[in-house]
Amino acid sequence: QVQLVESGGGKVQPGRSLRLSCAASGGVSSLIVMGWHRAPPGKQTELVARVYNGGSIDYADSVKGRFTVSRDSAKNAVFLQMNNLELEDTGVYFCYADEASGRRFWGQGTQVTVSS
């Protein structure tokens, strides 16, 4: 059973930066992709960014050029560097990981609030 624990959320002003971290434990050798989703207030959860074992990376159009996802396989961790944050980036950010079987695991979520 894979467990994911996020950290690094908080409240910042527009234009500032935050870095989210997610540490994975238990059965991590079976994971093929790790990434981040977010749930904006009153909206459905959306993919933010993901990185595959082979190094391929996907970003939501809304964060391209501002966010950077990275993965440390040795430490079983995935990170999300968020720069030039906008009001619309506010939401609960969830780390996730998929196995080759299609099973998905979720972290508990961390709140990111961008407010002036």
N, C-alpha and C. Protein backbone atom coordinates (compact mmCIF):
# COMPACT_ATOMS: atom_id res chain seq x y z
N GLN A 1 0.83 -1.19 0.00
CA GLN A 1 0.00 0.00 0.00
C GLN A 1 0.88 1.25 0.00
N VAL A 2 0.72 2.05 -1.03
CA VAL A 2 1.50 3.27 -1.15
C VAL A 2 0.86 4.37 -0.30
N GLN A 3 1.69 5.07 0.43
CA GLN A 3 1.24 6.23 1.20
C GLN A 3 1.95 7.47 0.71
N LEU A 4 1.18 8.55 0.57
CA LEU A 4 1.71 9.81 0.08
C LEU A 4 1.45 10.90 1.11
N VAL A 5 2.47 11.67 1.42
CA VAL A 5 2.34 12.75 2.40
C VAL A 5 2.86 14.04 1.79
N GLU A 6 1.97 15.04 1.69
CA GLU A 6 2.34 16.33 1.13
C GLU A 6 2.77 17.30 2.21
N SER A 7 3.52 18.30 1.77
CA SER A 7 3.88 19.41 2.64
C SER A 7 4.19 20.63 1.77
N GLY A 8 4.15 21.80 2.40
CA GLY A 8 4.59 23.00 1.69
C GLY A 8 3.51 23.97 1.29
N GLY A 9 2.25 23.68 1.58
CA GLY A 9 1.21 24.64 1.25
C GLY A 9 1.28 25.87 2.14
N GLY A 10 0.42 26.84 1.83
CA GLY A 10 0.39 28.05 2.64
C GLY A 10 -0.37 29.15 1.94
N LYS A 11 -0.24 30.36 2.50
CA LYS A 11 -0.91 31.53 1.94
C LYS A 11 0.14 32.53 1.48
N VAL A 12 0.01 32.97 0.23
CA VAL A 12 0.97 33.92 -0.33
C VAL A 12 0.24 34.97 -1.14
N GLN A 13 0.94 36.03 -1.44
CA GLN A 13 0.39 37.07 -2.29
C GLN A 13 0.60 36.72 -3.76
N PRO A 14 -0.20 37.29 -4.64
CA PRO A 14 0.01 37.04 -6.08
C PRO A 14 1.44 37.42 -6.48
N GLY A 15 2.00 36.60 -7.37
CA GLY A 15 3.35 36.83 -7.85
C GLY A 15 4.43 36.14 -7.05
N ARG A 16 4.07 35.65 -5.88
CA ARG A 16 5.05 34.96 -5.05
C ARG A 16 5.14 33.48 -5.42
N SER A 17 5.99 32.75 -4.68
CA SER A 17 6.26 31.35 -4.99
C SER A 17 5.99 30.45 -3.79
N LEU A 18 5.70 29.19 -4.10
CA LEU A 18 5.60 28.14 -3.10
C LEU A 18 6.16 26.85 -3.70
N ARG A 19 6.64 26.00 -2.84
CA ARG A 19 7.15 24.70 -3.30
C ARG A 19 6.45 23.61 -2.50
N LEU A 20 5.80 22.71 -3.21
CA LEU A 20 5.13 21.58 -2.58
C LEU A 20 6.01 20.34 -2.69
N SER A 21 5.96 19.53 -1.66
CA SER A 21 6.69 18.28 -1.65
C SER A 21 5.74 17.14 -1.33
N CYS A 22 6.07 15.97 -1.86
CA CYS A 22 5.26 14.77 -1.60
C CYS A 22 6.20 13.59 -1.46
N ALA A 23 6.14 12.96 -0.30
CA ALA A 23 6.98 11.81 -0.03
C ALA A 23 6.14 10.54 -0.11
N ALA A 24 6.64 9.55 -0.85
CA ALA A 24 5.94 8.28 -1.02
C ALA A 24 6.65 7.19 -0.22
N SER A 25 5.85 6.27 0.31
CA SER A 25 6.40 5.13 1.03
C SER A 25 5.51 3.92 0.78
N GLY A 26 6.11 2.73 0.91
CA GLY A 26 5.34 1.50 0.76
C GLY A 26 5.01 1.14 -0.67
N GLY A 27 5.66 0.20 -1.26
CA GLY A 27 5.33 -0.27 -2.59
C GLY A 27 5.66 0.70 -3.71
N VAL A 28 6.61 1.58 -3.49
CA VAL A 28 6.90 2.63 -4.48
C VAL A 28 7.51 2.09 -5.75
N SER A 29 8.08 0.90 -5.72
CA SER A 29 8.69 0.35 -6.92
C SER A 29 7.67 0.06 -8.01
N SER A 30 6.40 0.00 -7.66
CA SER A 30 5.36 -0.30 -8.63
C SER A 30 4.80 0.94 -9.30
N LEU A 31 5.23 2.11 -8.89
CA LEU A 31 4.67 3.35 -9.41
C LEU A 31 5.26 3.69 -10.78
N ILE A 32 4.40 4.18 -11.67
CA ILE A 32 4.87 4.56 -13.00
C ILE A 32 4.74 6.07 -13.25
N VAL A 33 3.97 6.74 -12.44
CA VAL A 33 3.80 8.19 -12.60
C VAL A 33 3.45 8.79 -11.25
N MET A 34 3.95 9.99 -11.01
CA MET A 34 3.58 10.76 -9.83
C MET A 34 3.29 12.19 -10.27
N GLY A 35 2.40 12.83 -9.56
CA GLY A 35 2.07 14.19 -9.95
C GLY A 35 1.16 14.87 -8.97
N TRP A 36 0.51 15.92 -9.48
CA TRP A 36 -0.33 16.77 -8.64
C TRP A 36 -1.65 17.10 -9.34
N HIS A 37 -2.70 17.04 -8.57
CA HIS A 37 -4.00 17.56 -8.96
C HIS A 37 -4.32 18.70 -7.99
N ARG A 38 -5.29 19.50 -8.35
CA ARG A 38 -5.77 20.51 -7.42
C ARG A 38 -7.28 20.64 -7.52
N ALA A 39 -7.86 21.10 -6.42
CA ALA A 39 -9.30 21.30 -6.36
C ALA A 39 -9.55 22.76 -6.02
N PRO A 40 -9.79 23.61 -7.03
CA PRO A 40 -10.14 25.01 -6.76
C PRO A 40 -11.48 25.09 -6.04
N PRO A 41 -11.73 26.15 -5.30
CA PRO A 41 -13.00 26.28 -4.58
C PRO A 41 -14.20 26.19 -5.51
N GLY A 42 -15.10 25.29 -5.23
CA GLY A 42 -16.32 25.15 -6.02
C GLY A 42 -16.14 24.53 -7.39
N LYS A 43 -14.96 24.00 -7.67
CA LYS A 43 -14.70 23.43 -9.00
C LYS A 43 -14.22 22.00 -8.87
N GLN A 44 -14.24 21.30 -10.00
CA GLN A 44 -13.77 19.92 -10.01
C GLN A 44 -12.25 19.86 -9.92
N THR A 45 -11.78 18.74 -9.44
CA THR A 45 -10.35 18.51 -9.38
C THR A 45 -9.78 18.47 -10.78
N GLU A 46 -8.60 19.05 -10.94
CA GLU A 46 -7.95 19.09 -12.26
C GLU A 46 -6.48 18.71 -12.14
N LEU A 47 -5.97 18.12 -13.21
CA LEU A 47 -4.56 17.80 -13.25
C LEU A 47 -3.74 19.07 -13.34
N VAL A 48 -2.69 19.15 -12.54
CA VAL A 48 -1.77 20.28 -12.59
C VAL A 48 -0.50 19.89 -13.35
N ALA A 49 0.13 18.80 -12.92
CA ALA A 49 1.36 18.35 -13.55
C ALA A 49 1.64 16.91 -13.15
N ARG A 50 2.37 16.19 -14.01
CA ARG A 50 2.73 14.82 -13.70
C ARG A 50 4.04 14.49 -14.39
N VAL A 51 4.76 13.55 -13.79
CA VAL A 51 6.03 13.12 -14.35
C VAL A 51 6.07 11.60 -14.32
N TYR A 52 6.40 11.02 -15.48
CA TYR A 52 6.45 9.58 -15.63
C TYR A 52 7.85 9.07 -15.29
N ASN A 53 7.93 7.78 -15.06
CA ASN A 53 9.22 7.15 -14.75
C ASN A 53 10.25 7.44 -15.82
N GLY A 54 9.85 7.46 -17.07
CA GLY A 54 10.78 7.69 -18.16
C GLY A 54 11.20 9.14 -18.31
N GLY A 55 10.57 10.02 -17.55
CA GLY A 55 10.94 11.42 -17.58
C GLY A 55 9.96 12.33 -18.30
N SER A 56 8.97 11.76 -18.98
CA SER A 56 7.98 12.60 -19.65
C SER A 56 7.19 13.40 -18.64
N ILE A 57 6.87 14.62 -19.00
CA ILE A 57 6.17 15.55 -18.10
C ILE A 57 5.00 16.19 -18.83
N ASP A 58 3.90 16.32 -18.12
CA ASP A 58 2.72 17.02 -18.63
C ASP A 58 2.34 18.13 -17.66
N TYR A 59 1.88 19.25 -18.23
CA TYR A 59 1.38 20.36 -17.43
C TYR A 59 0.00 20.79 -17.92
N ALA A 60 -0.81 21.27 -17.01
CA ALA A 60 -2.03 21.95 -17.42
C ALA A 60 -1.63 23.25 -18.12
N ASP A 61 -2.41 23.64 -19.12
CA ASP A 61 -2.09 24.85 -19.87
C ASP A 61 -2.00 26.07 -18.95
N SER A 62 -2.81 26.09 -17.92
CA SER A 62 -2.89 27.26 -17.05
C SER A 62 -1.64 27.47 -16.20
N VAL A 63 -0.78 26.45 -16.09
CA VAL A 63 0.40 26.58 -15.24
C VAL A 63 1.71 26.52 -16.03
N LYS A 64 1.62 26.26 -17.32
CA LYS A 64 2.84 26.18 -18.13
C LYS A 64 3.63 27.48 -18.04
N GLY A 65 4.94 27.32 -17.84
CA GLY A 65 5.81 28.48 -17.74
C GLY A 65 5.90 29.05 -16.33
N ARG A 66 5.05 28.59 -15.44
CA ARG A 66 5.07 29.09 -14.06
C ARG A 66 5.38 27.99 -13.06
N PHE A 67 4.89 26.79 -13.32
CA PHE A 67 5.10 25.66 -12.41
C PHE A 67 6.10 24.68 -13.00
N THR A 68 6.85 24.04 -12.12
CA THR A 68 7.80 23.01 -12.53
C THR A 68 7.64 21.80 -11.62
N VAL A 69 7.38 20.65 -12.24
CA VAL A 69 7.28 19.41 -11.48
C VAL A 69 8.59 18.65 -11.63
N SER A 70 9.02 18.02 -10.56
CA SER A 70 10.24 17.23 -10.60
C SER A 70 10.07 16.02 -9.69
N ARG A 71 10.89 15.04 -9.94
CA ARG A 71 10.77 13.79 -9.17
C ARG A 71 12.15 13.32 -8.76
N ASP A 72 12.26 12.91 -7.54
CA ASP A 72 13.48 12.34 -7.02
C ASP A 72 13.22 10.87 -6.75
N SER A 73 13.57 10.03 -7.70
CA SER A 73 13.27 8.61 -7.57
C SER A 73 14.00 7.98 -6.39
N ALA A 74 15.21 8.45 -6.13
CA ALA A 74 15.98 7.88 -5.03
C ALA A 74 15.30 8.13 -3.68
N LYS A 75 14.63 9.27 -3.60
CA LYS A 75 13.95 9.64 -2.36
C LYS A 75 12.46 9.37 -2.41
N ASN A 76 12.01 8.79 -3.55
CA ASN A 76 10.58 8.50 -3.70
C ASN A 76 9.74 9.73 -3.41
N ALA A 77 10.10 10.81 -4.06
CA ALA A 77 9.41 12.07 -3.81
C ALA A 77 9.13 12.80 -5.11
N VAL A 78 8.09 13.63 -5.08
CA VAL A 78 7.77 14.49 -6.21
C VAL A 78 7.55 15.90 -5.67
N PHE A 79 7.96 16.87 -6.46
CA PHE A 79 7.92 18.26 -6.03
C PHE A 79 7.18 19.10 -7.06
N LEU A 80 6.62 20.20 -6.58
CA LEU A 80 5.97 21.15 -7.47
C LEU A 80 6.42 22.54 -7.09
N GLN A 81 7.26 23.13 -7.91
CA GLN A 81 7.70 24.51 -7.72
C GLN A 81 6.72 25.42 -8.42
N MET A 82 6.08 26.28 -7.67
CA MET A 82 5.05 27.17 -8.21
C MET A 82 5.53 28.61 -8.11
N ASN A 83 5.77 29.21 -9.25
CA ASN A 83 6.23 30.59 -9.31
C ASN A 83 5.14 31.49 -9.89
N ASN A 84 5.27 32.77 -9.62
CA ASN A 84 4.32 33.76 -10.15
C ASN A 84 2.87 33.31 -9.92
N LEU A 85 2.59 32.97 -8.69
CA LEU A 85 1.27 32.45 -8.35
C LEU A 85 0.18 33.48 -8.63
N GLU A 86 -0.96 32.98 -9.07
CA GLU A 86 -2.11 33.81 -9.39
C GLU A 86 -3.28 33.45 -8.47
N LEU A 87 -4.24 34.36 -8.38
CA LEU A 87 -5.40 34.12 -7.53
C LEU A 87 -6.08 32.80 -7.89
N GLU A 88 -6.08 32.49 -9.20
CA GLU A 88 -6.76 31.28 -9.68
C GLU A 88 -6.04 29.99 -9.30
N ASP A 89 -4.85 30.10 -8.75
CA ASP A 89 -4.12 28.92 -8.31
C ASP A 89 -4.57 28.45 -6.93
N THR A 90 -5.42 29.20 -6.30
CA THR A 90 -5.92 28.82 -4.98
C THR A 90 -6.68 27.50 -5.05
N GLY A 91 -6.42 26.65 -4.07
CA GLY A 91 -7.12 25.38 -4.00
C GLY A 91 -6.39 24.39 -3.11
N VAL A 92 -6.96 23.21 -2.99
CA VAL A 92 -6.29 22.13 -2.28
C VAL A 92 -5.51 21.31 -3.30
N TYR A 93 -4.24 21.15 -3.05
CA TYR A 93 -3.36 20.42 -3.96
C TYR A 93 -3.13 19.01 -3.42
N PHE A 94 -3.36 18.04 -4.29
CA PHE A 94 -3.23 16.64 -3.93
C PHE A 94 -2.11 15.98 -4.73
N CYS A 95 -1.23 15.34 -4.03
CA CYS A 95 -0.24 14.49 -4.66
C CYS A 95 -0.92 13.19 -5.05
N TYR A 96 -0.52 12.61 -6.19
CA TYR A 96 -1.07 11.32 -6.56
C TYR A 96 0.01 10.47 -7.21
N ALA A 97 -0.26 9.17 -7.26
CA ALA A 97 0.67 8.24 -7.89
C ALA A 97 -0.12 7.07 -8.46
N ASP A 98 0.30 6.62 -9.64
CA ASP A 98 -0.37 5.49 -10.31
C ASP A 98 0.56 4.30 -10.42
N GLU A 99 -0.03 3.12 -10.24
CA GLU A 99 0.69 1.89 -10.54
C GLU A 99 0.41 1.49 -11.99
N ALA A 100 1.22 0.58 -12.51
CA ALA A 100 1.00 0.08 -13.87
C ALA A 100 -0.37 -0.58 -14.00
N SER A 101 -0.89 -1.11 -12.91
CA SER A 101 -2.19 -1.76 -12.94
C SER A 101 -3.34 -0.77 -13.09
N GLY A 102 -3.02 0.51 -12.89
CA GLY A 102 -4.05 1.53 -12.97
C GLY A 102 -4.54 1.99 -11.61
N ARG A 103 -4.11 1.33 -10.58
CA ARG A 103 -4.51 1.74 -9.23
C ARG A 103 -3.87 3.09 -8.91
N ARG A 104 -4.67 3.97 -8.32
CA ARG A 104 -4.21 5.32 -8.01
C ARG A 104 -4.23 5.54 -6.50
N PHE A 105 -3.22 6.23 -6.05
CA PHE A 105 -3.11 6.59 -4.64
C PHE A 105 -3.10 8.11 -4.52
N TRP A 106 -3.66 8.60 -3.40
CA TRP A 106 -3.76 10.04 -3.18
C TRP A 106 -3.17 10.41 -1.83
N GLY A 107 -2.59 11.60 -1.79
CA GLY A 107 -2.20 12.18 -0.53
C GLY A 107 -3.40 12.84 0.12
N GLN A 108 -3.18 13.42 1.30
CA GLN A 108 -4.29 14.00 2.06
C GLN A 108 -4.65 15.40 1.61
N GLY A 109 -3.77 16.02 0.82
CA GLY A 109 -4.02 17.35 0.31
C GLY A 109 -3.38 18.43 1.17
N THR A 110 -2.99 19.50 0.51
CA THR A 110 -2.42 20.66 1.21
C THR A 110 -3.01 21.93 0.60
N GLN A 111 -3.38 22.87 1.45
CA GLN A 111 -4.06 24.07 1.00
C GLN A 111 -3.07 25.10 0.48
N VAL A 112 -3.36 25.64 -0.69
CA VAL A 112 -2.61 26.76 -1.26
C VAL A 112 -3.60 27.91 -1.44
N THR A 113 -3.30 29.03 -0.82
CA THR A 113 -4.16 30.20 -0.94
C THR A 113 -3.34 31.37 -1.46
N VAL A 114 -3.79 31.91 -2.58
CA VAL A 114 -3.14 33.08 -3.16
C VAL A 114 -4.11 34.25 -2.99
N SER A 115 -3.69 35.22 -2.20
CA SER A 115 -4.57 36.33 -1.86
C SER A 115 -3.76 37.59 -1.60
N SER A 116 -4.32 38.70 -2.05
CA SER A 116 -3.66 39.97 -1.77
C SER A 116 -4.19 40.58 -0.49
